[in-house]
Amino acid sequence: MERVKLEVPEYKSTISVEEAIAGRKSRRAFKHDAIKRREFALLVWAASKAPSAGATYPLELYLVIGAGAVEHIEPGVYHVENGYLEPHKDGDLRVELATACLRQMFIADASFSIVITAEYERTTRRYGERGIRYVHIEAGHVSQNIYLECEALGLATVAIGAFDDDEVAKVLNLPEAHKPIYVMPIGVKI
């Protein structure tokens, strides 16, 4: 696995924000087509553009990419850092992730999943217990950005909150401080 620079291409959607909102649905079925690199980069960009309480930015994104599922990107787990995908763990781990998500096996059919994790202390250090709420609100912003960008690109996703936290952390080899909040499998819409 190699470090991947995410170039965010110029893109103007063919649908309005209102059309994306109206069309947004949770979809659990995916075609087995590879996602184009440009669409992939736009999704990761959209996931990275959410407001953060006090600019504490507690969220960390991990991508679980399948074999042949995203153009020109090797399978594995990547950590999104400063416009790059940093290799984190080798191999196509979609089945293992689906199993950790209480055996919701449709997750293994997605081209890739975005796993939204949080380092709560970044926000609770400033806001105390209320910071936990702010972290969850921020995760909701990120999730909605992913939903709307998927709709604009003709892709499918669903927000998954039903999973074994420890098992997801183990599959992704997460640092102790990074706690999983959401798993969002993404693929080409059927």
N, C-alpha and C. Protein backbone atom coordinates (compact mmCIF):
# COMPACT_ATOMS: atom_id res chain seq x y z
N MET A 1 0.85 -1.19 0.00
CA MET A 1 0.00 0.00 0.00
C MET A 1 0.88 1.24 0.00
N GLU A 2 0.45 2.20 -0.75
CA GLU A 2 1.20 3.46 -0.83
C GLU A 2 0.35 4.62 -0.32
N ARG A 3 1.04 5.64 0.12
CA ARG A 3 0.37 6.89 0.50
C ARG A 3 -0.26 7.47 -0.77
N VAL A 4 -1.49 7.98 -0.65
CA VAL A 4 -2.22 8.48 -1.81
C VAL A 4 -2.59 9.94 -1.58
N LYS A 5 -2.18 10.81 -2.51
CA LYS A 5 -2.58 12.22 -2.46
C LYS A 5 -3.97 12.33 -3.06
N LEU A 6 -4.87 12.96 -2.34
CA LEU A 6 -6.23 13.14 -2.83
C LEU A 6 -6.35 14.50 -3.50
N GLU A 7 -6.37 14.48 -4.81
CA GLU A 7 -6.60 15.70 -5.57
C GLU A 7 -8.11 15.91 -5.65
N VAL A 8 -8.57 17.05 -5.23
CA VAL A 8 -10.00 17.33 -5.31
C VAL A 8 -10.25 18.03 -6.64
N PRO A 9 -10.89 17.32 -7.57
CA PRO A 9 -11.12 17.90 -8.89
C PRO A 9 -12.22 18.94 -8.85
N GLU A 10 -12.21 19.82 -9.86
CA GLU A 10 -13.31 20.76 -10.02
C GLU A 10 -14.55 19.94 -10.32
N TYR A 11 -15.63 20.27 -9.68
CA TYR A 11 -16.84 19.52 -9.92
C TYR A 11 -18.04 20.40 -9.69
N LYS A 12 -18.94 20.38 -10.63
CA LYS A 12 -20.21 21.06 -10.44
C LYS A 12 -21.28 20.02 -10.69
N SER A 13 -22.07 19.77 -9.69
CA SER A 13 -23.09 18.75 -9.76
C SER A 13 -24.14 19.11 -10.79
N THR A 14 -24.77 18.09 -11.34
CA THR A 14 -25.87 18.31 -12.28
C THR A 14 -27.21 18.40 -11.55
N ILE A 15 -27.18 18.25 -10.22
CA ILE A 15 -28.41 18.41 -9.44
C ILE A 15 -28.20 19.50 -8.39
N SER A 16 -29.29 20.13 -8.00
CA SER A 16 -29.21 21.19 -6.99
C SER A 16 -29.11 20.58 -5.60
N VAL A 17 -28.78 21.42 -4.64
CA VAL A 17 -28.76 20.98 -3.24
C VAL A 17 -30.16 20.49 -2.85
N GLU A 18 -31.18 21.21 -3.30
CA GLU A 18 -32.55 20.82 -2.97
C GLU A 18 -32.89 19.43 -3.54
N GLU A 19 -32.44 19.15 -4.75
CA GLU A 19 -32.68 17.84 -5.36
C GLU A 19 -31.92 16.74 -4.59
N ALA A 20 -30.70 17.06 -4.15
CA ALA A 20 -29.93 16.08 -3.38
C ALA A 20 -30.62 15.78 -2.05
N ILE A 21 -31.13 16.82 -1.40
CA ILE A 21 -31.84 16.63 -0.13
C ILE A 21 -33.10 15.80 -0.36
N ALA A 22 -33.86 16.13 -1.40
CA ALA A 22 -35.10 15.40 -1.68
C ALA A 22 -34.84 13.95 -2.06
N GLY A 23 -33.72 13.68 -2.73
CA GLY A 23 -33.41 12.33 -3.19
C GLY A 23 -32.66 11.47 -2.20
N ARG A 24 -32.16 12.09 -1.13
CA ARG A 24 -31.33 11.38 -0.15
C ARG A 24 -32.10 10.25 0.50
N LYS A 25 -31.53 9.05 0.41
CA LYS A 25 -32.13 7.87 1.03
C LYS A 25 -31.01 7.00 1.59
N SER A 26 -31.39 6.18 2.55
CA SER A 26 -30.47 5.15 3.04
C SER A 26 -30.62 3.95 2.12
N ARG A 27 -29.51 3.56 1.50
CA ARG A 27 -29.53 2.44 0.55
C ARG A 27 -28.53 1.40 0.99
N ARG A 28 -28.99 0.15 0.98
CA ARG A 28 -28.16 -0.96 1.45
C ARG A 28 -27.79 -1.95 0.35
N ALA A 29 -28.01 -1.57 -0.90
CA ALA A 29 -27.66 -2.44 -2.03
C ALA A 29 -26.75 -1.66 -2.98
N PHE A 30 -25.74 -2.36 -3.48
CA PHE A 30 -24.72 -1.71 -4.31
C PHE A 30 -24.41 -2.55 -5.53
N LYS A 31 -24.14 -1.89 -6.65
CA LYS A 31 -23.59 -2.58 -7.82
C LYS A 31 -22.15 -2.94 -7.51
N HIS A 32 -21.62 -3.89 -8.22
CA HIS A 32 -20.23 -4.29 -8.00
C HIS A 32 -19.28 -3.56 -8.96
N ASP A 33 -19.59 -2.32 -9.28
CA ASP A 33 -18.76 -1.50 -10.15
C ASP A 33 -17.74 -0.73 -9.32
N ALA A 34 -16.58 -0.50 -9.90
CA ALA A 34 -15.56 0.31 -9.21
C ALA A 34 -16.01 1.78 -9.20
N ILE A 35 -15.67 2.45 -8.14
CA ILE A 35 -15.93 3.89 -8.04
C ILE A 35 -14.76 4.63 -8.67
N LYS A 36 -15.10 5.63 -9.45
CA LYS A 36 -14.06 6.42 -10.11
C LYS A 36 -13.27 7.23 -9.08
N ARG A 37 -12.00 7.40 -9.35
CA ARG A 37 -11.11 8.11 -8.43
C ARG A 37 -11.62 9.52 -8.14
N ARG A 38 -12.14 10.21 -9.15
CA ARG A 38 -12.64 11.57 -8.99
C ARG A 38 -13.81 11.60 -8.01
N GLU A 39 -14.75 10.66 -8.17
CA GLU A 39 -15.90 10.59 -7.27
C GLU A 39 -15.46 10.27 -5.85
N PHE A 40 -14.53 9.35 -5.74
CA PHE A 40 -13.97 8.97 -4.44
C PHE A 40 -13.36 10.19 -3.74
N ALA A 41 -12.55 10.95 -4.47
CA ALA A 41 -11.90 12.13 -3.90
C ALA A 41 -12.94 13.16 -3.45
N LEU A 42 -13.99 13.33 -4.23
CA LEU A 42 -15.05 14.28 -3.85
C LEU A 42 -15.76 13.84 -2.57
N LEU A 43 -16.00 12.54 -2.44
CA LEU A 43 -16.65 12.04 -1.22
C LEU A 43 -15.78 12.27 0.01
N VAL A 44 -14.51 11.98 -0.10
CA VAL A 44 -13.61 12.18 1.04
C VAL A 44 -13.51 13.67 1.36
N TRP A 45 -13.47 14.51 0.33
CA TRP A 45 -13.45 15.96 0.53
C TRP A 45 -14.71 16.40 1.27
N ALA A 46 -15.89 15.94 0.81
CA ALA A 46 -17.16 16.34 1.44
C ALA A 46 -17.20 15.89 2.90
N ALA A 47 -16.68 14.69 3.18
CA ALA A 47 -16.66 14.19 4.55
C ALA A 47 -15.75 15.01 5.45
N SER A 48 -14.79 15.69 4.85
CA SER A 48 -13.82 16.47 5.61
C SER A 48 -14.26 17.91 5.82
N LYS A 49 -15.39 18.31 5.28
CA LYS A 49 -15.83 19.71 5.31
C LYS A 49 -17.05 19.91 6.20
N ALA A 50 -16.88 19.67 7.47
CA ALA A 50 -17.98 19.86 8.43
C ALA A 50 -17.53 20.82 9.52
N PRO A 51 -18.49 21.59 10.06
CA PRO A 51 -18.14 22.50 11.16
C PRO A 51 -17.77 21.71 12.42
N SER A 52 -16.97 22.35 13.26
CA SER A 52 -16.51 21.71 14.49
C SER A 52 -16.63 22.71 15.65
N ALA A 53 -17.24 22.29 16.74
CA ALA A 53 -17.40 23.14 17.92
C ALA A 53 -16.04 23.62 18.40
N GLY A 54 -15.86 24.93 18.44
CA GLY A 54 -14.61 25.50 18.92
C GLY A 54 -13.40 25.11 18.09
N ALA A 55 -13.64 24.66 16.86
CA ALA A 55 -12.55 24.21 15.96
C ALA A 55 -11.66 23.17 16.64
N THR A 56 -12.29 22.26 17.40
CA THR A 56 -11.52 21.21 18.09
C THR A 56 -11.25 20.01 17.19
N TYR A 57 -12.03 19.83 16.14
CA TYR A 57 -11.86 18.77 15.14
C TYR A 57 -11.53 17.41 15.77
N PRO A 58 -12.50 16.83 16.48
CA PRO A 58 -12.27 15.55 17.14
C PRO A 58 -12.38 14.33 16.22
N LEU A 59 -12.94 14.51 15.02
CA LEU A 59 -13.22 13.36 14.16
C LEU A 59 -12.01 12.96 13.32
N GLU A 60 -11.86 11.65 13.16
CA GLU A 60 -10.84 11.07 12.29
C GLU A 60 -11.55 10.09 11.36
N LEU A 61 -11.20 10.13 10.09
CA LEU A 61 -11.83 9.27 9.10
C LEU A 61 -10.89 8.14 8.70
N TYR A 62 -11.45 6.93 8.67
CA TYR A 62 -10.73 5.76 8.19
C TYR A 62 -11.53 5.18 7.04
N LEU A 63 -10.84 4.74 6.00
CA LEU A 63 -11.49 4.18 4.82
C LEU A 63 -11.12 2.72 4.69
N VAL A 64 -12.13 1.88 4.53
CA VAL A 64 -11.92 0.45 4.31
C VAL A 64 -12.25 0.20 2.84
N ILE A 65 -11.20 -0.01 2.04
CA ILE A 65 -11.35 -0.08 0.58
C ILE A 65 -11.17 -1.52 0.11
N GLY A 66 -12.10 -1.95 -0.75
CA GLY A 66 -12.06 -3.31 -1.28
C GLY A 66 -11.15 -3.45 -2.48
N ALA A 67 -10.83 -4.68 -2.81
CA ALA A 67 -10.00 -4.99 -3.98
C ALA A 67 -10.73 -4.60 -5.26
N GLY A 68 -10.10 -3.78 -6.08
CA GLY A 68 -10.68 -3.36 -7.35
C GLY A 68 -11.91 -2.49 -7.21
N ALA A 69 -12.14 -1.94 -6.05
CA ALA A 69 -13.39 -1.22 -5.77
C ALA A 69 -13.30 0.28 -6.01
N VAL A 70 -12.10 0.84 -5.93
CA VAL A 70 -11.88 2.25 -6.21
C VAL A 70 -10.72 2.34 -7.18
N GLU A 71 -10.94 3.06 -8.28
CA GLU A 71 -9.91 3.16 -9.33
C GLU A 71 -8.56 3.60 -8.76
N HIS A 72 -7.54 2.81 -9.07
CA HIS A 72 -6.14 3.15 -8.78
C HIS A 72 -5.81 3.25 -7.29
N ILE A 73 -6.59 2.60 -6.44
CA ILE A 73 -6.27 2.58 -5.01
C ILE A 73 -6.29 1.13 -4.54
N GLU A 74 -5.20 0.72 -3.90
CA GLU A 74 -5.07 -0.65 -3.42
C GLU A 74 -6.03 -0.90 -2.25
N PRO A 75 -6.44 -2.16 -2.08
CA PRO A 75 -7.31 -2.47 -0.95
C PRO A 75 -6.58 -2.29 0.38
N GLY A 76 -7.34 -1.94 1.39
CA GLY A 76 -6.78 -1.79 2.72
C GLY A 76 -7.53 -0.75 3.52
N VAL A 77 -6.99 -0.48 4.69
CA VAL A 77 -7.53 0.56 5.57
C VAL A 77 -6.59 1.76 5.47
N TYR A 78 -7.17 2.92 5.24
CA TYR A 78 -6.42 4.16 5.13
C TYR A 78 -6.95 5.16 6.15
N HIS A 79 -6.06 6.00 6.66
CA HIS A 79 -6.43 7.08 7.56
C HIS A 79 -6.32 8.37 6.75
N VAL A 80 -7.36 9.19 6.79
CA VAL A 80 -7.34 10.45 6.06
C VAL A 80 -6.61 11.49 6.90
N GLU A 81 -5.52 12.03 6.33
CA GLU A 81 -4.72 13.03 7.04
C GLU A 81 -4.22 14.09 6.08
N ASN A 82 -4.67 15.32 6.28
CA ASN A 82 -4.17 16.49 5.53
C ASN A 82 -4.14 16.27 4.02
N GLY A 83 -5.23 15.79 3.47
CA GLY A 83 -5.32 15.63 2.02
C GLY A 83 -4.67 14.37 1.48
N TYR A 84 -4.26 13.48 2.36
CA TYR A 84 -3.63 12.21 1.94
C TYR A 84 -4.37 11.04 2.56
N LEU A 85 -4.30 9.91 1.88
CA LEU A 85 -4.71 8.65 2.47
C LEU A 85 -3.43 7.99 2.97
N GLU A 86 -3.33 7.84 4.27
CA GLU A 86 -2.16 7.21 4.86
C GLU A 86 -2.46 5.73 5.06
N PRO A 87 -1.63 4.84 4.49
CA PRO A 87 -1.86 3.41 4.68
C PRO A 87 -1.86 3.07 6.17
N HIS A 88 -2.86 2.28 6.57
CA HIS A 88 -2.99 1.95 7.98
C HIS A 88 -2.97 0.44 8.22
N LYS A 89 -3.59 -0.32 7.29
CA LYS A 89 -3.63 -1.77 7.43
C LYS A 89 -3.89 -2.38 6.05
N ASP A 90 -3.12 -3.39 5.69
CA ASP A 90 -3.24 -4.04 4.37
C ASP A 90 -4.44 -4.96 4.28
N GLY A 91 -4.93 -5.12 3.03
CA GLY A 91 -5.91 -6.16 2.74
C GLY A 91 -7.33 -5.67 2.61
N ASP A 92 -8.13 -6.45 1.91
CA ASP A 92 -9.55 -6.19 1.73
C ASP A 92 -10.27 -6.70 2.98
N LEU A 93 -10.69 -5.80 3.83
CA LEU A 93 -11.28 -6.16 5.13
C LEU A 93 -12.78 -5.88 5.19
N ARG A 94 -13.43 -5.83 4.02
CA ARG A 94 -14.87 -5.53 4.00
C ARG A 94 -15.70 -6.60 4.72
N VAL A 95 -15.36 -7.87 4.55
CA VAL A 95 -16.12 -8.93 5.21
C VAL A 95 -15.93 -8.84 6.73
N GLU A 96 -14.69 -8.60 7.15
CA GLU A 96 -14.41 -8.48 8.58
C GLU A 96 -15.16 -7.28 9.19
N LEU A 97 -15.21 -6.17 8.43
CA LEU A 97 -15.94 -5.00 8.91
C LEU A 97 -17.43 -5.31 9.00
N ALA A 98 -17.99 -5.95 7.98
CA ALA A 98 -19.42 -6.32 8.01
C ALA A 98 -19.72 -7.23 9.19
N THR A 99 -18.84 -8.15 9.48
CA THR A 99 -19.02 -9.06 10.61
C THR A 99 -19.00 -8.27 11.92
N ALA A 100 -18.08 -7.30 12.04
CA ALA A 100 -18.01 -6.46 13.24
C ALA A 100 -19.24 -5.57 13.38
N CYS A 101 -19.93 -5.34 12.27
CA CYS A 101 -21.17 -4.55 12.28
C CYS A 101 -22.37 -5.47 12.44
N LEU A 102 -22.24 -6.39 13.38
CA LEU A 102 -23.31 -7.31 13.76
C LEU A 102 -23.81 -8.12 12.57
N ARG A 103 -22.86 -8.51 11.74
CA ARG A 103 -23.12 -9.39 10.59
C ARG A 103 -24.07 -8.77 9.57
N GLN A 104 -23.99 -7.47 9.38
CA GLN A 104 -24.74 -6.80 8.32
C GLN A 104 -23.92 -6.95 7.03
N MET A 105 -24.08 -8.09 6.38
CA MET A 105 -23.16 -8.49 5.31
C MET A 105 -23.27 -7.65 4.05
N PHE A 106 -24.32 -6.85 3.89
CA PHE A 106 -24.39 -5.96 2.73
C PHE A 106 -23.23 -4.96 2.74
N ILE A 107 -22.66 -4.71 3.92
CA ILE A 107 -21.53 -3.80 4.03
C ILE A 107 -20.34 -4.32 3.22
N ALA A 108 -20.18 -5.63 3.16
CA ALA A 108 -19.09 -6.25 2.40
C ALA A 108 -19.27 -6.06 0.90
N ASP A 109 -20.51 -5.75 0.45
CA ASP A 109 -20.77 -5.53 -0.98
C ASP A 109 -20.44 -4.12 -1.42
N ALA A 110 -20.25 -3.20 -0.48
CA ALA A 110 -19.92 -1.81 -0.82
C ALA A 110 -18.50 -1.74 -1.36
N SER A 111 -18.24 -0.76 -2.21
CA SER A 111 -16.89 -0.57 -2.73
C SER A 111 -15.93 -0.20 -1.61
N PHE A 112 -16.39 0.67 -0.73
CA PHE A 112 -15.58 1.06 0.42
C PHE A 112 -16.50 1.59 1.51
N SER A 113 -15.97 1.71 2.70
CA SER A 113 -16.71 2.29 3.81
C SER A 113 -15.88 3.41 4.42
N ILE A 114 -16.57 4.45 4.81
CA ILE A 114 -15.96 5.51 5.61
C ILE A 114 -16.34 5.23 7.06
N VAL A 115 -15.35 5.07 7.91
CA VAL A 115 -15.59 4.87 9.33
C VAL A 115 -15.24 6.17 10.03
N ILE A 116 -16.26 6.78 10.62
CA ILE A 116 -16.08 8.05 11.34
C ILE A 116 -15.75 7.71 12.78
N THR A 117 -14.58 8.15 13.23
CA THR A 117 -14.17 7.91 14.61
C THR A 117 -13.97 9.25 15.30
N ALA A 118 -13.90 9.19 16.62
CA ALA A 118 -13.71 10.43 17.39
C ALA A 118 -12.66 10.25 18.46
N GLU A 119 -11.88 11.29 18.64
CA GLU A 119 -11.00 11.42 19.79
C GLU A 119 -11.68 12.45 20.70
N TYR A 120 -12.53 11.96 21.57
CA TYR A 120 -13.41 12.80 22.38
C TYR A 120 -12.67 13.86 23.19
N GLU A 121 -11.50 13.53 23.68
CA GLU A 121 -10.79 14.45 24.57
C GLU A 121 -10.47 15.79 23.90
N ARG A 122 -10.34 15.80 22.59
CA ARG A 122 -10.07 17.07 21.90
C ARG A 122 -11.17 18.09 22.18
N THR A 123 -12.40 17.60 22.33
CA THR A 123 -13.54 18.49 22.56
C THR A 123 -13.91 18.57 24.03
N THR A 124 -13.85 17.45 24.75
CA THR A 124 -14.22 17.49 26.17
C THR A 124 -13.21 18.27 27.00
N ARG A 125 -11.99 18.37 26.54
CA ARG A 125 -10.97 19.16 27.25
C ARG A 125 -11.42 20.62 27.35
N ARG A 126 -12.12 21.09 26.33
CA ARG A 126 -12.58 22.47 26.32
C ARG A 126 -13.98 22.62 26.90
N TYR A 127 -14.87 21.66 26.60
CA TYR A 127 -16.28 21.81 26.92
C TYR A 127 -16.81 20.85 27.99
N GLY A 128 -15.94 20.07 28.58
CA GLY A 128 -16.39 19.11 29.59
C GLY A 128 -17.32 18.07 28.98
N GLU A 129 -18.26 17.58 29.82
CA GLU A 129 -19.19 16.53 29.37
C GLU A 129 -20.01 16.96 28.16
N ARG A 130 -20.35 18.24 28.05
CA ARG A 130 -21.13 18.72 26.92
C ARG A 130 -20.38 18.49 25.61
N GLY A 131 -19.08 18.39 25.66
CA GLY A 131 -18.28 18.13 24.47
C GLY A 131 -18.64 16.82 23.78
N ILE A 132 -19.10 15.84 24.55
CA ILE A 132 -19.52 14.56 23.96
C ILE A 132 -20.67 14.81 22.99
N ARG A 133 -21.61 15.64 23.40
CA ARG A 133 -22.74 15.99 22.53
C ARG A 133 -22.24 16.69 21.26
N TYR A 134 -21.29 17.61 21.42
CA TYR A 134 -20.77 18.33 20.26
C TYR A 134 -20.10 17.38 19.26
N VAL A 135 -19.39 16.39 19.78
CA VAL A 135 -18.74 15.40 18.90
C VAL A 135 -19.79 14.66 18.09
N HIS A 136 -20.87 14.25 18.73
CA HIS A 136 -21.92 13.51 18.02
C HIS A 136 -22.64 14.39 17.01
N ILE A 137 -22.84 15.65 17.33
CA ILE A 137 -23.43 16.59 16.37
C ILE A 137 -22.52 16.71 15.15
N GLU A 138 -21.22 16.82 15.38
CA GLU A 138 -20.27 16.93 14.28
C GLU A 138 -20.30 15.68 13.40
N ALA A 139 -20.39 14.51 14.03
CA ALA A 139 -20.48 13.27 13.25
C ALA A 139 -21.74 13.28 12.38
N GLY A 140 -22.82 13.84 12.88
CA GLY A 140 -24.04 13.97 12.08
C GLY A 140 -23.84 14.87 10.88
N HIS A 141 -23.09 15.97 11.06
CA HIS A 141 -22.79 16.86 9.94
C HIS A 141 -22.00 16.11 8.86
N VAL A 142 -20.99 15.37 9.29
CA VAL A 142 -20.15 14.62 8.34
C VAL A 142 -21.01 13.59 7.61
N SER A 143 -21.83 12.87 8.34
CA SER A 143 -22.70 11.86 7.75
C SER A 143 -23.62 12.47 6.69
N GLN A 144 -24.22 13.59 7.01
CA GLN A 144 -25.13 14.22 6.04
C GLN A 144 -24.37 14.69 4.81
N ASN A 145 -23.15 15.22 4.98
CA ASN A 145 -22.35 15.59 3.82
C ASN A 145 -22.11 14.39 2.91
N ILE A 146 -21.81 13.25 3.52
CA ILE A 146 -21.58 12.02 2.74
C ILE A 146 -22.86 11.62 2.01
N TYR A 147 -23.99 11.63 2.70
CA TYR A 147 -25.26 11.30 2.06
C TYR A 147 -25.53 12.20 0.85
N LEU A 148 -25.37 13.51 1.03
CA LEU A 148 -25.70 14.45 -0.05
C LEU A 148 -24.73 14.33 -1.21
N GLU A 149 -23.44 14.14 -0.92
CA GLU A 149 -22.47 13.96 -2.01
C GLU A 149 -22.74 12.66 -2.75
N CYS A 150 -23.09 11.61 -2.04
CA CYS A 150 -23.45 10.34 -2.71
C CYS A 150 -24.62 10.56 -3.64
N GLU A 151 -25.63 11.26 -3.18
CA GLU A 151 -26.81 11.51 -4.02
C GLU A 151 -26.42 12.31 -5.26
N ALA A 152 -25.57 13.31 -5.10
CA ALA A 152 -25.14 14.13 -6.24
C ALA A 152 -24.34 13.31 -7.26
N LEU A 153 -23.63 12.29 -6.79
CA LEU A 153 -22.77 11.48 -7.67
C LEU A 153 -23.44 10.19 -8.16
N GLY A 154 -24.67 9.93 -7.73
CA GLY A 154 -25.35 8.70 -8.13
C GLY A 154 -24.85 7.47 -7.39
N LEU A 155 -24.35 7.69 -6.17
CA LEU A 155 -23.86 6.60 -5.35
C LEU A 155 -24.84 6.32 -4.21
N ALA A 156 -24.62 5.22 -3.53
CA ALA A 156 -25.51 4.81 -2.45
C ALA A 156 -24.73 4.69 -1.14
N THR A 157 -25.40 5.00 -0.04
CA THR A 157 -24.80 4.84 1.29
C THR A 157 -25.90 4.69 2.34
N VAL A 158 -25.49 4.30 3.52
CA VAL A 158 -26.36 4.24 4.68
C VAL A 158 -25.48 4.44 5.92
N ALA A 159 -26.00 5.15 6.90
CA ALA A 159 -25.27 5.35 8.15
C ALA A 159 -25.53 4.17 9.08
N ILE A 160 -24.47 3.51 9.50
CA ILE A 160 -24.58 2.34 10.38
C ILE A 160 -24.06 2.71 11.76
N GLY A 161 -24.92 2.56 12.75
CA GLY A 161 -24.51 2.78 14.13
C GLY A 161 -24.53 1.49 14.94
N ALA A 162 -25.03 0.42 14.32
CA ALA A 162 -25.13 -0.88 15.01
C ALA A 162 -23.87 -1.69 14.71
N PHE A 163 -22.96 -1.69 15.66
CA PHE A 163 -21.72 -2.46 15.52
C PHE A 163 -21.11 -2.67 16.88
N ASP A 164 -20.20 -3.62 16.94
CA ASP A 164 -19.44 -3.88 18.16
C ASP A 164 -18.22 -2.96 18.11
N ASP A 165 -18.20 -1.97 18.99
CA ASP A 165 -17.13 -0.96 18.98
C ASP A 165 -15.74 -1.59 19.03
N ASP A 166 -15.57 -2.54 19.93
CA ASP A 166 -14.25 -3.17 20.08
C ASP A 166 -13.85 -3.95 18.85
N GLU A 167 -14.81 -4.62 18.22
CA GLU A 167 -14.50 -5.40 17.01
C GLU A 167 -14.15 -4.50 15.83
N VAL A 168 -14.88 -3.39 15.67
CA VAL A 168 -14.55 -2.44 14.60
C VAL A 168 -13.16 -1.88 14.84
N ALA A 169 -12.87 -1.50 16.07
CA ALA A 169 -11.54 -0.97 16.40
C ALA A 169 -10.45 -1.99 16.10
N LYS A 170 -10.72 -3.25 16.37
CA LYS A 170 -9.75 -4.32 16.12
C LYS A 170 -9.53 -4.53 14.61
N VAL A 171 -10.62 -4.59 13.85
CA VAL A 171 -10.51 -4.78 12.39
C VAL A 171 -9.69 -3.65 11.77
N LEU A 172 -9.93 -2.42 12.21
CA LEU A 172 -9.23 -1.26 11.64
C LEU A 172 -7.89 -0.98 12.29
N ASN A 173 -7.60 -1.68 13.40
CA ASN A 173 -6.38 -1.41 14.16
C ASN A 173 -6.32 0.06 14.59
N LEU A 174 -7.43 0.51 15.19
CA LEU A 174 -7.53 1.92 15.59
C LEU A 174 -6.66 2.21 16.81
N PRO A 175 -6.11 3.43 16.85
CA PRO A 175 -5.44 3.85 18.08
C PRO A 175 -6.46 3.87 19.22
N GLU A 176 -6.02 3.65 20.43
CA GLU A 176 -6.90 3.55 21.60
C GLU A 176 -7.85 4.76 21.73
N ALA A 177 -7.35 5.95 21.42
CA ALA A 177 -8.16 7.16 21.60
C ALA A 177 -9.22 7.35 20.52
N HIS A 178 -9.14 6.64 19.40
CA HIS A 178 -10.09 6.81 18.29
C HIS A 178 -11.25 5.83 18.45
N LYS A 179 -12.41 6.36 18.79
CA LYS A 179 -13.60 5.55 19.04
C LYS A 179 -14.54 5.61 17.84
N PRO A 180 -14.97 4.46 17.30
CA PRO A 180 -15.87 4.48 16.14
C PRO A 180 -17.25 5.01 16.51
N ILE A 181 -17.81 5.84 15.62
CA ILE A 181 -19.14 6.41 15.81
C ILE A 181 -20.10 5.92 14.73
N TYR A 182 -19.67 5.98 13.49
CA TYR A 182 -20.49 5.61 12.34
C TYR A 182 -19.65 4.79 11.37
N VAL A 183 -20.32 3.89 10.67
CA VAL A 183 -19.74 3.19 9.52
C VAL A 183 -20.65 3.52 8.35
N MET A 184 -20.09 4.03 7.26
CA MET A 184 -20.90 4.39 6.09
C MET A 184 -20.38 3.66 4.86
N PRO A 185 -20.99 2.51 4.53
CA PRO A 185 -20.61 1.80 3.31
C PRO A 185 -21.08 2.58 2.09
N ILE A 186 -20.25 2.59 1.04
CA ILE A 186 -20.56 3.38 -0.15
C ILE A 186 -20.30 2.54 -1.39
N GLY A 187 -21.24 2.61 -2.32
CA GLY A 187 -21.08 1.90 -3.58
C GLY A 187 -21.93 2.55 -4.66
N VAL A 188 -21.84 1.99 -5.85
CA VAL A 188 -22.62 2.50 -6.96
C VAL A 188 -24.09 2.10 -6.75
N LYS A 189 -24.96 3.06 -6.95
CA LYS A 189 -26.39 2.85 -6.74
C LYS A 189 -26.94 1.83 -7.74
N ILE A 190 -27.80 0.95 -7.25
CA ILE A 190 -28.48 -0.01 -8.14
C ILE A 190 -29.67 0.68 -8.78
